[in-house]
C-alpha cells in the first residue's frame, strides 16, 4: 500500500460549513452571529464529550473571525500551558479544554477574561462538562457561566451515517450501507476521525483502482493497525 493512502493527517480545516450540525443548529447560528459581530453576547462556553465537535466549533469561530480581519487565536489548555499575556493583545480568543488548567493557568484565564471584557473582546471557551462541574476556582467558574452556555450534542449513528454518505457523494462515489456500518464499528467514532478515514479510503480506492467495499476498508484499517 502506498504512503498516500495512509496519510490520515490530511484534514479539511474546520469551518461552520463543514460542521455536521445534528442537534446543534441553535449553537452554530449563535457562533455565526458572534463571528459576524451582530451584537449580543460576546462570551460563550461550550461543553461536551470528546468527539462531540466542540474543538471543531472553536477553530471554526477563530477561522471566521480571522477572515473578517479580527485578531483571533485558538489556545488548547494543558496543566503545563496557561493562556499567556500575548493572548491579551487579541480581540478574540478561543480556549479549549479549560478543565486541564493548573492553578496558575486558571488565574491567567481569569485575567484574560477580564481584559477581553474590558476592551469589548470575545471569548469562546470549552470544556468537557458544564461550568459548575469543572472543579475550577469559583471566580473562573462564575465568569465562564456569565455568558451563554451550550452543550455540544454528539451525533447519533444515523446522523454519522448520513454525514459519511454526504461526504462520499461530495467526493464522487457512493458509500454502501455495509461500508459505513463497518467503519462505525471498527474505527474511531468521532467525526473528524471518521471523515479522515473516509477520505483515506477514497484515495486508496483510486490508487488501487478498486471500488470502496468492506474488504478494501479492512485492508486500510489493518494497515493503520486496527
C-alpha atoms as a PDB file:
ATOM      1  CA  UNK A   1       0.000   0.000   0.000  1.00  0.00           C
ATOM      2  CA  UNK A   2       1.365   3.391  -0.944  1.00  0.00           C
ATOM      3  CA  UNK A   3       2.078   6.010   1.683  1.00  0.00           C
ATOM      4  CA  UNK A   4      -0.557   8.401   0.309  1.00  0.00           C
ATOM      5  CA  UNK A   5      -3.373   6.122   1.398  1.00  0.00           C
ATOM      6  CA  UNK A   6      -2.043   6.157   4.932  1.00  0.00           C
ATOM      7  CA  UNK A   7      -1.851   9.934   5.212  1.00  0.00           C
ATOM      8  CA  UNK A   8      -4.630  10.331   7.767  1.00  0.00           C
ATOM      9  CA  UNK A   9      -3.306  13.781   8.669  1.00  0.00           C
ATOM     10  CA  UNK A  10      -4.935  15.319   5.597  1.00  0.00           C
ATOM     11  CA  UNK A  11      -7.871  17.012   7.301  1.00  0.00           C
ATOM     12  CA  UNK A  12     -10.129  19.729   5.941  1.00  0.00           C
ATOM     13  CA  UNK A  13      -9.755  22.908   8.053  1.00  0.00           C
ATOM     14  CA  UNK A  14     -12.715  23.268  10.442  1.00  0.00           C
ATOM     15  CA  UNK A  15     -15.416  25.720   9.348  1.00  0.00           C
ATOM     16  CA  UNK A  16     -19.068  26.182  10.226  1.00  0.00           C
ATOM     17  CA  UNK A  17     -19.990  24.980   6.742  1.00  0.00           C
ATOM     18  CA  UNK A  18     -18.290  21.593   7.146  1.00  0.00           C
ATOM     19  CA  UNK A  19     -19.535  21.034  10.692  1.00  0.00           C
ATOM     20  CA  UNK A  20     -22.180  18.303  10.853  1.00  0.00           C
ATOM     21  CA  UNK A  21     -24.845  20.188  12.787  1.00  0.00           C
ATOM     22  CA  UNK A  22     -27.120  17.443  14.129  1.00  0.00           C
ATOM     23  CA  UNK A  23     -28.920  18.834  17.198  1.00  0.00           C
ATOM     24  CA  UNK A  24     -26.624  21.876  17.426  1.00  0.00           C
ATOM     25  CA  UNK A  25     -28.357  24.247  14.988  1.00  0.00           C
ATOM     26  CA  UNK A  26     -29.027  26.976  17.567  1.00  0.00           C
ATOM     27  CA  UNK A  27     -25.455  26.847  18.841  1.00  0.00           C
ATOM     28  CA  UNK A  28     -23.959  27.095  15.354  1.00  0.00           C
ATOM     29  CA  UNK A  29     -26.162  30.064  14.481  1.00  0.00           C
ATOM     30  CA  UNK A  30     -25.172  31.766  17.735  1.00  0.00           C
ATOM     31  CA  UNK A  31     -21.481  31.317  16.963  1.00  0.00           C
ATOM     32  CA  UNK A  32     -22.025  32.616  13.439  1.00  0.00           C
ATOM     33  CA  UNK A  33     -23.560  35.752  14.934  1.00  0.00           C
ATOM     34  CA  UNK A  34     -20.579  36.150  17.276  1.00  0.00           C
ATOM     35  CA  UNK A  35     -18.200  35.864  14.326  1.00  0.00           C
ATOM     36  CA  UNK A  36     -20.318  38.263  12.303  1.00  0.00           C
ATOM     37  CA  UNK A  37     -20.238  40.854  15.116  1.00  0.00           C
ATOM     38  CA  UNK A  38     -24.025  41.014  15.029  1.00  0.00           C
ATOM     39  CA  UNK A  39     -24.263  42.250  18.610  1.00  0.00           C
ATOM     40  CA  UNK A  40     -25.426  40.336  21.630  1.00  0.00           C
ATOM     41  CA  UNK A  41     -23.338  38.124  23.886  1.00  0.00           C
ATOM     42  CA  UNK A  42     -19.591  38.034  23.246  1.00  0.00           C
ATOM     43  CA  UNK A  43     -18.775  35.317  25.794  1.00  0.00           C
ATOM     44  CA  UNK A  44     -19.769  31.740  25.079  1.00  0.00           C
ATOM     45  CA  UNK A  45     -18.953  28.497  26.862  1.00  0.00           C
ATOM     46  CA  UNK A  46     -19.323  25.133  25.108  1.00  0.00           C
ATOM     47  CA  UNK A  47     -19.235  21.770  26.778  1.00  0.00           C
ATOM     48  CA  UNK A  48     -19.463  18.237  25.501  1.00  0.00           C
ATOM     49  CA  UNK A  49     -17.819  14.846  25.444  1.00  0.00           C
ATOM     50  CA  UNK A  50     -14.675  14.082  23.469  1.00  0.00           C
ATOM     51  CA  UNK A  51     -15.567  13.865  19.795  1.00  0.00           C
ATOM     52  CA  UNK A  52     -18.726  15.947  20.148  1.00  0.00           C
ATOM     53  CA  UNK A  53     -17.321  18.685  17.923  1.00  0.00           C
ATOM     54  CA  UNK A  54     -16.528  21.456  20.381  1.00  0.00           C
ATOM     55  CA  UNK A  55     -12.925  21.796  19.175  1.00  0.00           C
ATOM     56  CA  UNK A  56     -14.151  21.983  15.585  1.00  0.00           C
ATOM     57  CA  UNK A  57     -16.509  24.816  16.544  1.00  0.00           C
ATOM     58  CA  UNK A  58     -13.816  26.742  18.422  1.00  0.00           C
ATOM     59  CA  UNK A  59     -11.426  26.543  15.466  1.00  0.00           C
ATOM     60  CA  UNK A  60     -14.225  27.406  13.043  1.00  0.00           C
ATOM     61  CA  UNK A  61     -15.019  30.509  15.082  1.00  0.00           C
ATOM     62  CA  UNK A  62     -11.381  31.597  15.092  1.00  0.00           C
ATOM     63  CA  UNK A  63     -11.068  30.990  11.339  1.00  0.00           C
ATOM     64  CA  UNK A  64     -14.199  33.050  10.713  1.00  0.00           C
ATOM     65  CA  UNK A  65     -13.011  35.883  12.920  1.00  0.00           C
ATOM     66  CA  UNK A  66      -9.593  35.963  11.273  1.00  0.00           C
ATOM     67  CA  UNK A  67     -11.212  36.006   7.830  1.00  0.00           C
ATOM     68  CA  UNK A  68     -13.175  39.059   8.974  1.00  0.00           C
ATOM     69  CA  UNK A  69      -9.948  40.813   9.951  1.00  0.00           C
ATOM     70  CA  UNK A  70     -10.276  40.248  13.700  1.00  0.00           C
ATOM     71  CA  UNK A  71      -7.153  39.404  15.681  1.00  0.00           C
ATOM     72  CA  UNK A  72      -8.172  35.989  16.986  1.00  0.00           C
ATOM     73  CA  UNK A  73      -6.346  32.965  18.377  1.00  0.00           C
ATOM     74  CA  UNK A  74      -7.080  29.396  19.430  1.00  0.00           C
ATOM     75  CA  UNK A  75      -5.455  28.043  22.598  1.00  0.00           C
ATOM     76  CA  UNK A  76      -5.619  24.498  23.967  1.00  0.00           C
ATOM     77  CA  UNK A  77      -5.158  24.434  27.734  1.00  0.00           C
ATOM     78  CA  UNK A  78      -2.890  21.907  29.447  1.00  0.00           C
ATOM     79  CA  UNK A  79      -1.576  21.627  33.014  1.00  0.00           C
ATOM     80  CA  UNK A  80       1.756  22.986  31.748  1.00  0.00           C
ATOM     81  CA  UNK A  81       0.452  25.688  29.409  1.00  0.00           C
ATOM     82  CA  UNK A  82      -1.512  28.700  30.599  1.00  0.00           C
ATOM     83  CA  UNK A  83      -3.052  31.446  28.457  1.00  0.00           C
ATOM     84  CA  UNK A  84      -0.108  33.845  28.281  1.00  0.00           C
ATOM     85  CA  UNK A  85      -0.115  37.622  28.163  1.00  0.00           C
ATOM     86  CA  UNK A  86       0.256  37.570  24.373  1.00  0.00           C
ATOM     87  CA  UNK A  87      -3.349  36.403  24.139  1.00  0.00           C
ATOM     88  CA  UNK A  88      -4.446  39.559  25.935  1.00  0.00           C
ATOM     89  CA  UNK A  89      -3.447  41.547  22.837  1.00  0.00           C
ATOM     90  CA  UNK A  90      -6.003  39.599  20.775  1.00  0.00           C
ATOM     91  CA  UNK A  91      -9.530  40.838  20.119  1.00  0.00           C
ATOM     92  CA  UNK A  92     -10.960  37.315  20.348  1.00  0.00           C
ATOM     93  CA  UNK A  93      -9.681  34.097  21.922  1.00  0.00           C
ATOM     94  CA  UNK A  94     -10.954  30.525  21.884  1.00  0.00           C
ATOM     95  CA  UNK A  95      -9.717  28.447  24.830  1.00  0.00           C
ATOM     96  CA  UNK A  96     -10.186  24.681  24.709  1.00  0.00           C
ATOM     97  CA  UNK A  97     -10.043  22.039  27.472  1.00  0.00           C
ATOM     98  CA  UNK A  98     -10.251  24.589  30.300  1.00  0.00           C
ATOM     99  CA  UNK A  99     -10.681  21.788  32.850  1.00  0.00           C
ATOM    100  CA  UNK A 100      -6.996  20.952  32.374  1.00  0.00           C
ATOM    101  CA  UNK A 101      -5.686  24.275  33.657  1.00  0.00           C
ATOM    102  CA  UNK A 102      -3.373  24.393  36.662  1.00  0.00           C
ATOM    103  CA  UNK A 103      -3.915  26.918  39.458  1.00  0.00           C
ATOM    104  CA  UNK A 104      -1.660  29.398  37.654  1.00  0.00           C
ATOM    105  CA  UNK A 105      -3.451  28.680  34.395  1.00  0.00           C
ATOM    106  CA  UNK A 106      -6.804  29.434  35.991  1.00  0.00           C
ATOM    107  CA  UNK A 107      -5.511  32.804  37.199  1.00  0.00           C
ATOM    108  CA  UNK A 108      -4.276  33.521  33.673  1.00  0.00           C
ATOM    109  CA  UNK A 109      -7.691  32.647  32.203  1.00  0.00           C
ATOM    110  CA  UNK A 110      -9.395  34.854  34.799  1.00  0.00           C
ATOM    111  CA  UNK A 111      -7.159  37.764  33.813  1.00  0.00           C
ATOM    112  CA  UNK A 112      -7.700  37.098  30.099  1.00  0.00           C
ATOM    113  CA  UNK A 113     -11.453  37.136  30.577  1.00  0.00           C
ATOM    114  CA  UNK A 114     -11.329  40.475  32.371  1.00  0.00           C
ATOM    115  CA  UNK A 115      -9.048  42.056  29.750  1.00  0.00           C
ATOM    116  CA  UNK A 116     -11.288  40.943  26.887  1.00  0.00           C
ATOM    117  CA  UNK A 117     -14.406  42.116  28.672  1.00  0.00           C
ATOM    118  CA  UNK A 118     -12.876  45.497  29.404  1.00  0.00           C
ATOM    119  CA  UNK A 119     -11.909  46.161  25.781  1.00  0.00           C
ATOM    120  CA  UNK A 120     -15.045  44.684  24.191  1.00  0.00           C
ATOM    121  CA  UNK A 121     -13.371  41.490  23.021  1.00  0.00           C
ATOM    122  CA  UNK A 122     -14.729  37.991  22.628  1.00  0.00           C
ATOM    123  CA  UNK A 123     -14.014  34.762  24.480  1.00  0.00           C
ATOM    124  CA  UNK A 124     -15.293  31.360  23.396  1.00  0.00           C
ATOM    125  CA  UNK A 125     -14.259  28.701  25.900  1.00  0.00           C
ATOM    126  CA  UNK A 126     -14.872  24.966  26.023  1.00  0.00           C
ATOM    127  CA  UNK A 127     -14.600  22.107  28.475  1.00  0.00           C
ATOM    128  CA  UNK A 128     -15.806  18.557  28.929  1.00  0.00           C
ATOM    129  CA  UNK A 129     -18.564  19.441  31.434  1.00  0.00           C
ATOM    130  CA  UNK A 130     -20.821  22.378  32.316  1.00  0.00           C
ATOM    131  CA  UNK A 131     -19.159  25.284  34.198  1.00  0.00           C
ATOM    132  CA  UNK A 132     -20.416  24.353  37.678  1.00  0.00           C
ATOM    133  CA  UNK A 133     -18.966  20.836  37.278  1.00  0.00           C
ATOM    134  CA  UNK A 134     -15.490  21.883  36.195  1.00  0.00           C
ATOM    135  CA  UNK A 135     -13.830  21.795  39.595  1.00  0.00           C
ATOM    136  CA  UNK A 136     -12.009  25.055  38.921  1.00  0.00           C
ATOM    137  CA  UNK A 137     -11.703  28.203  41.053  1.00  0.00           C
ATOM    138  CA  UNK A 138     -15.049  29.747  41.908  1.00  0.00           C
ATOM    139  CA  UNK A 139     -14.206  33.070  40.235  1.00  0.00           C
ATOM    140  CA  UNK A 140     -13.235  31.305  36.993  1.00  0.00           C
ATOM    141  CA  UNK A 141     -16.374  29.141  37.034  1.00  0.00           C
ATOM    142  CA  UNK A 142     -18.528  32.212  37.637  1.00  0.00           C
ATOM    143  CA  UNK A 143     -17.088  34.055  34.661  1.00  0.00           C
ATOM    144  CA  UNK A 144     -17.366  31.081  32.333  1.00  0.00           C
ATOM    145  CA  UNK A 145     -21.018  30.805  33.307  1.00  0.00           C
ATOM    146  CA  UNK A 146     -21.810  34.523  32.928  1.00  0.00           C
ATOM    147  CA  UNK A 147     -22.159  34.316  29.165  1.00  0.00           C
ATOM    148  CA  UNK A 148     -24.081  31.876  27.009  1.00  0.00           C
ATOM    149  CA  UNK A 149     -23.601  28.195  27.851  1.00  0.00           C
ATOM    150  CA  UNK A 150     -24.312  25.457  25.316  1.00  0.00           C
ATOM    151  CA  UNK A 151     -23.927  21.708  25.380  1.00  0.00           C
ATOM    152  CA  UNK A 152     -22.472  20.359  22.139  1.00  0.00           C
ATOM    153  CA  UNK A 153     -24.503  17.251  21.348  1.00  0.00           C
ATOM    154  CA  UNK A 154     -22.688  14.386  19.675  1.00  0.00           C
ATOM    155  CA  UNK A 155     -24.189  12.821  16.570  1.00  0.00           C
ATOM    156  CA  UNK A 156     -26.287   9.674  16.610  1.00  0.00           C
ATOM    157  CA  UNK A 157     -25.145   6.748  14.473  1.00  0.00           C
ATOM    158  CA  UNK A 158     -27.835   7.590  11.919  1.00  0.00           C
ATOM    159  CA  UNK A 159     -26.567  11.179  11.705  1.00  0.00           C
ATOM    160  CA  UNK A 160     -22.972   9.966  11.344  1.00  0.00           C
ATOM    161  CA  UNK A 161     -24.054   7.572   8.585  1.00  0.00           C
ATOM    162  CA  UNK A 162     -25.787  10.400   6.707  1.00  0.00           C
ATOM    163  CA  UNK A 163     -22.748  12.644   7.119  1.00  0.00           C
ATOM    164  CA  UNK A 164     -20.443   9.937   5.777  1.00  0.00           C
ATOM    165  CA  UNK A 165     -22.787   9.317   2.851  1.00  0.00           C
ATOM    166  CA  UNK A 166     -22.849  13.040   2.033  1.00  0.00           C
ATOM    167  CA  UNK A 167     -19.045  13.284   2.261  1.00  0.00           C
ATOM    168  CA  UNK A 168     -18.668  10.291  -0.085  1.00  0.00           C
ATOM    169  CA  UNK A 169     -21.135  11.825  -2.526  1.00  0.00           C
ATOM    170  CA  UNK A 170     -19.181  15.098  -2.473  1.00  0.00           C
ATOM    171  CA  UNK A 171     -16.038  13.115  -3.322  1.00  0.00           C
ATOM    172  CA  UNK A 172     -17.790  11.419  -6.236  1.00  0.00           C
ATOM    173  CA  UNK A 173     -18.582   7.914  -5.016  1.00  0.00           C
ATOM    174  CA  UNK A 174     -21.463   6.072  -3.393  1.00  0.00           C
ATOM    175  CA  UNK A 175     -20.911   4.748   0.125  1.00  0.00           C
ATOM    176  CA  UNK A 176     -22.700   1.447   0.624  1.00  0.00           C
ATOM    177  CA  UNK A 177     -24.504   0.962   3.974  1.00  0.00           C
ATOM    178  CA  UNK A 178     -22.361  -2.035   4.913  1.00  0.00           C
ATOM    179  CA  UNK A 179     -19.178   0.034   4.482  1.00  0.00           C
ATOM    180  CA  UNK A 180     -20.393   2.872   6.695  1.00  0.00           C
ATOM    181  CA  UNK A 181     -21.589   0.365   9.309  1.00  0.00           C
ATOM    182  CA  UNK A 182     -18.185  -1.371   9.327  1.00  0.00           C
ATOM    183  CA  UNK A 183     -16.464   1.989   9.626  1.00  0.00           C
ATOM    184  CA  UNK A 184     -18.621   2.979  12.607  1.00  0.00           C
ATOM    185  CA  UNK A 185     -17.949  -0.365  14.281  1.00  0.00           C
ATOM    186  CA  UNK A 186     -14.202  -0.677  13.748  1.00  0.00           C
ATOM    187  CA  UNK A 187     -12.764   2.859  13.501  1.00  0.00           C
ATOM    188  CA  UNK A 188     -12.613   5.790  15.902  1.00  0.00           C
ATOM    189  CA  UNK A 189     -16.137   7.130  16.211  1.00  0.00           C
ATOM    190  CA  UNK A 190     -15.602  10.900  16.390  1.00  0.00           C
ATOM    191  CA  UNK A 191     -16.484  12.686  13.158  1.00  0.00           C
ATOM    192  CA  UNK A 192     -13.053  14.166  12.351  1.00  0.00           C
ATOM    193  CA  UNK A 193     -11.512  10.688  12.546  1.00  0.00           C
ATOM    194  CA  UNK A 194     -14.353   9.090  10.576  1.00  0.00           C
ATOM    195  CA  UNK A 195     -14.178  11.698   7.830  1.00  0.00           C
ATOM    196  CA  UNK A 196     -10.382  11.448   7.630  1.00  0.00           C
ATOM    197  CA  UNK A 197     -10.670   7.664   7.324  1.00  0.00           C
ATOM    198  CA  UNK A 198     -13.295   8.006   4.605  1.00  0.00           C
ATOM    199  CA  UNK A 199     -11.057  10.394   2.670  1.00  0.00           C
ATOM    200  CA  UNK A 200      -8.138   7.982   3.015  1.00  0.00           C
ATOM    201  CA  UNK A 201     -10.369   5.129   1.856  1.00  0.00           C
ATOM    202  CA  UNK A 202     -11.328   7.130  -1.236  1.00  0.00           C
ATOM    203  CA  UNK A 203      -7.677   7.848  -2.068  1.00  0.00           C
ATOM    204  CA  UNK A 204      -6.726   4.205  -1.584  1.00  0.00           C
ATOM    205  CA  UNK A 205      -9.619   3.112  -3.784  1.00  0.00           C
ATOM    206  CA  UNK A 206      -8.433   5.393  -6.570  1.00  0.00           C
ATOM    207  CA  UNK A 207      -4.826   4.198  -6.252  1.00  0.00           C
ATOM    208  CA  UNK A 208      -5.791   0.529  -6.192  1.00  0.00           C
ATOM    209  CA  UNK A 209      -8.407   1.014  -8.928  1.00  0.00           C
ATOM    210  CA  UNK A 210     -10.862  -0.936  -6.804  1.00  0.00           C
ATOM    211  CA  UNK A 211     -14.339   0.066  -5.599  1.00  0.00           C
ATOM    212  CA  UNK A 212     -14.956   1.138  -1.998  1.00  0.00           C
ATOM    213  CA  UNK A 213     -16.002  -2.072  -0.267  1.00  0.00           C
ATOM    214  CA  UNK A 214     -15.737  -3.649   3.172  1.00  0.00           C
ATOM    215  CA  UNK A 215     -12.693  -5.764   2.137  1.00  0.00           C
ATOM    216  CA  UNK A 216     -10.917  -2.610   0.934  1.00  0.00           C
ATOM    217  CA  UNK A 217     -11.754  -0.862   4.205  1.00  0.00           C
ATOM    218  CA  UNK A 218     -10.430  -3.862   6.157  1.00  0.00           C
ATOM    219  CA  UNK A 219      -7.101  -3.554   4.345  1.00  0.00           C
ATOM    220  CA  UNK A 220      -6.864   0.131   5.197  1.00  0.00           C
ATOM    221  CA  UNK A 221      -7.741  -0.433   8.850  1.00  0.00           C
ATOM    222  CA  UNK A 222      -5.238  -3.291   9.061  1.00  0.00           C
ATOM    223  CA  UNK A 223      -2.522  -1.047   7.650  1.00  0.00           C
ATOM    224  CA  UNK A 224      -3.365   1.511  10.348  1.00  0.00           C
ATOM    225  CA  UNK A 225      -3.016  -1.222  12.973  1.00  0.00           C
ATOM    226  CA  UNK A 226      -6.700  -1.685  13.796  1.00  0.00           C
END
